[in-house]
C-alpha atoms as a PDB file:
ATOM      1  CA  MET A   1      85.632  82.914 190.900  1.00  0.00           C
ATOM      2  CA  LEU A   2      85.437  86.320 189.834  1.00  0.00           C
ATOM      3  CA  MET A   3      85.720  85.937 186.463  1.00  0.00           C
ATOM      4  CA  LYS A   4      82.847  83.380 186.818  1.00  0.00           C
ATOM      5  CA  ILE A   5      80.546  86.922 188.804  1.00  0.00           C
ATOM      6  CA  LEU A   6      81.617  89.149 185.870  1.00  0.00           C
ATOM      7  CA  GLY A   7      80.663  86.573 183.517  1.00  0.00           C
ATOM      8  CA  GLY A   8      77.687  85.565 185.390  1.00  0.00           C
ATOM      9  CA  LEU A   9      76.966  89.422 184.988  1.00  0.00           C
ATOM     10  CA  ASP A  10      77.375  89.406 181.518  1.00  0.00           C
ATOM     11  CA  ILE A  11      75.528  86.978 180.181  1.00  0.00           C
ATOM     12  CA  LEU A  12      72.251  88.608 182.562  1.00  0.00           C
ATOM     13  CA  GLY A  13      73.068  91.979 180.868  1.00  0.00           C
ATOM     14  CA  ALA A  14      72.725  90.478 177.240  1.00  0.00           C
ATOM     15  CA  LEU A  15      69.214  89.098 178.618  1.00  0.00           C
ATOM     16  CA  ILE A  16      68.332  92.689 179.556  1.00  0.00           C
ATOM     17  CA  LEU A  17      69.612  93.628 176.126  1.00  0.00           C
ATOM     18  CA  ILE A  18      67.735  91.076 174.386  1.00  0.00           C
ATOM     19  CA  LEU A  19      64.344  92.520 176.935  1.00  0.00           C
ATOM     20  CA  VAL A  20      65.536  95.838 175.552  1.00  0.00           C
ATOM     21  CA  GLY A  21      65.564  94.581 172.047  1.00  0.00           C
ATOM     22  CA  ALA A  22      62.153  93.603 171.888  1.00  0.00           C
ATOM     23  CA  GLY A  23      60.441  96.167 173.573  1.00  0.00           C
ATOM     24  CA  ILE A  24      59.940  94.859 176.653  1.00  0.00           C
ATOM     25  CA  ALA A  25      61.737  97.313 178.545  1.00  0.00           C
ATOM     26  CA  PRO A  26      62.303  96.792 182.099  1.00  0.00           C
ATOM     27  CA  GLY A  27      61.844  99.429 184.943  1.00  0.00           C
ATOM     28  CA  LYS A  28      64.278 102.701 184.992  1.00  0.00           C
ATOM     29  CA  THR A  29      66.266 102.113 187.896  1.00  0.00           C
ATOM     30  CA  PHE A  30      67.009  98.268 186.281  1.00  0.00           C
ATOM     31  CA  LEU A  31      68.390  99.629 183.710  1.00  0.00           C
ATOM     32  CA  ILE A  32      70.271 102.491 185.775  1.00  0.00           C
ATOM     33  CA  VAL A  33      71.691 100.041 187.720  1.00  0.00           C
ATOM     34  CA  PHE A  34      72.915  97.853 185.503  1.00  0.00           C
ATOM     35  CA  GLY A  35      74.173 100.658 183.107  1.00  0.00           C
ATOM     36  CA  ALA A  36      76.063 101.771 186.189  1.00  0.00           C
ATOM     37  CA  ILE A  37      77.094  98.122 186.711  1.00  0.00           C
ATOM     38  CA  PHE A  38      78.181  97.822 183.418  1.00  0.00           C
ATOM     39  CA  ILE A  39      81.014 101.312 183.460  1.00  0.00           C
ATOM     40  CA  LEU A  40      82.019 100.260 186.453  1.00  0.00           C
ATOM     41  CA  LYS A  41      82.773  97.017 185.562  1.00  0.00           C
ATOM     42  CA  SER A  42      84.551  98.539 181.945  1.00  0.00           C
ATOM     43  CA  LEU A  43      86.936 100.458 184.214  1.00  0.00           C
ATOM     44  CA  ILE A  44      88.290  97.388 185.878  1.00  0.00           C
ATOM     45  CA  GLY A  45      90.380  97.275 182.841  1.00  0.00           C
ATOM     46  CA  PHE A  46      90.815 100.443 181.956  1.00  0.00           C
ATOM     47  CA  LEU A  47      89.919 100.363 179.071  1.00  0.00           C
ATOM     48  CA  GLN A  48      92.422  98.466 177.519  1.00  0.00           C
ATOM     49  CA  ASP A  49      91.008  95.361 176.718  1.00  0.00           C
ATOM     50  CA  VAL A  50      87.571  94.897 174.224  1.00  0.00           C
ATOM     51  CA  GLY A  51      86.087  93.402 176.991  1.00  0.00           C
ATOM     52  CA  SER A  52      85.749  96.446 178.530  1.00  0.00           C
ATOM     53  CA  TRP A  53      85.123  98.320 175.709  1.00  0.00           C
ATOM     54  CA  ILE A  54      82.380  96.021 175.069  1.00  0.00           C
ATOM     55  CA  ASP A  55      81.180  97.122 178.755  1.00  0.00           C
ATOM     56  CA  ILE A  56      81.282 100.572 178.589  1.00  0.00           C
ATOM     57  CA  SER A  57      79.604  99.898 175.221  1.00  0.00           C
ATOM     58  CA  CYS A  58      76.108  98.471 176.575  1.00  0.00           C
ATOM     59  CA  GLY A  59      76.380 100.563 179.846  1.00  0.00           C
ATOM     60  CA  ILE A  60      76.094 103.645 177.979  1.00  0.00           C
ATOM     61  CA  PHE A  61      73.336 101.425 175.748  1.00  0.00           C
ATOM     62  CA  LEU A  62      71.262 100.988 178.933  1.00  0.00           C
ATOM     63  CA  LEU A  63      71.267 103.947 180.288  1.00  0.00           C
ATOM     64  CA  ILE A  64      70.928 105.605 176.747  1.00  0.00           C
ATOM     65  CA  SER A  65      67.928 103.795 176.379  1.00  0.00           C
ATOM     66  CA  ILE A  66      66.450 105.198 178.818  1.00  0.00           C
ATOM     67  CA  LEU A  67      65.370 108.110 176.975  1.00  0.00           C
ATOM     68  CA  ILE A  68      65.350 107.426 173.922  1.00  0.00           C
ATOM     69  CA  HIS A  69      64.323 104.468 171.468  1.00  0.00           C
ATOM     70  CA  ILE A  70      67.086 102.903 169.602  1.00  0.00           C
ATOM     71  CA  PRO A  71      66.735 100.149 166.953  1.00  0.00           C
ATOM     72  CA  SER A  72      66.871  96.438 167.672  1.00  0.00           C
ATOM     73  CA  PHE A  73      69.033  95.275 166.078  1.00  0.00           C
ATOM     74  CA  VAL A  74      71.522  96.840 167.951  1.00  0.00           C
ATOM     75  CA  ALA A  75      70.088  95.337 170.841  1.00  0.00           C
ATOM     76  CA  PHE A  76      70.545  91.853 169.713  1.00  0.00           C
ATOM     77  CA  ILE A  77      74.163  92.648 168.164  1.00  0.00           C
ATOM     78  CA  LEU A  78      75.769  93.898 171.249  1.00  0.00           C
ATOM     79  CA  ALA A  79      73.566  90.880 174.004  1.00  0.00           C
ATOM     80  CA  PHE A  80      75.242  88.411 171.286  1.00  0.00           C
ATOM     81  CA  VAL A  81      78.268  90.188 171.633  1.00  0.00           C
ATOM     82  CA  LEU A  82      78.254  90.561 175.729  1.00  0.00           C
ATOM     83  CA  ALA A  83      76.183  86.577 176.079  1.00  0.00           C
ATOM     84  CA  GLN A  84      79.338  85.241 174.078  1.00  0.00           C
ATOM     85  CA  LYS A  85      81.743  87.514 176.427  1.00  0.00           C
ATOM     86  CA  GLY A  86      79.981  85.709 179.295  1.00  0.00           C
ATOM     87  CA  ILE A  87      80.424  81.973 177.879  1.00  0.00           C
ATOM     88  CA  PHE A  88      83.809  82.487 177.438  1.00  0.00           C
ATOM     89  CA  SER A  89      84.980  83.635 180.668  1.00  0.00           C
ATOM     90  CA  PHE A  90      82.977  80.467 181.501  1.00  0.00           C
ATOM     91  CA  MET A  91      85.462  78.208 180.359  1.00  0.00           C
END
């Protein structure tokens, strides 16, 4: 059950990354909250697996995207990897 909840967060995070990449940035507090969620979620695995590294990179990306403009292809690549991770957690 926990894996499905965390997978749902991954898919929601992928949608947020797509919005950021498309230039439709949600509010700053929204990005801060989801960035913190992904960083905390990555600490659950203590950065020992690839999934935790994907989570921390997405969390850092969301936090940095508040301050500077990051190229959209980076956001789309991270969104694809995060969505794939979320879909595999449902299997």
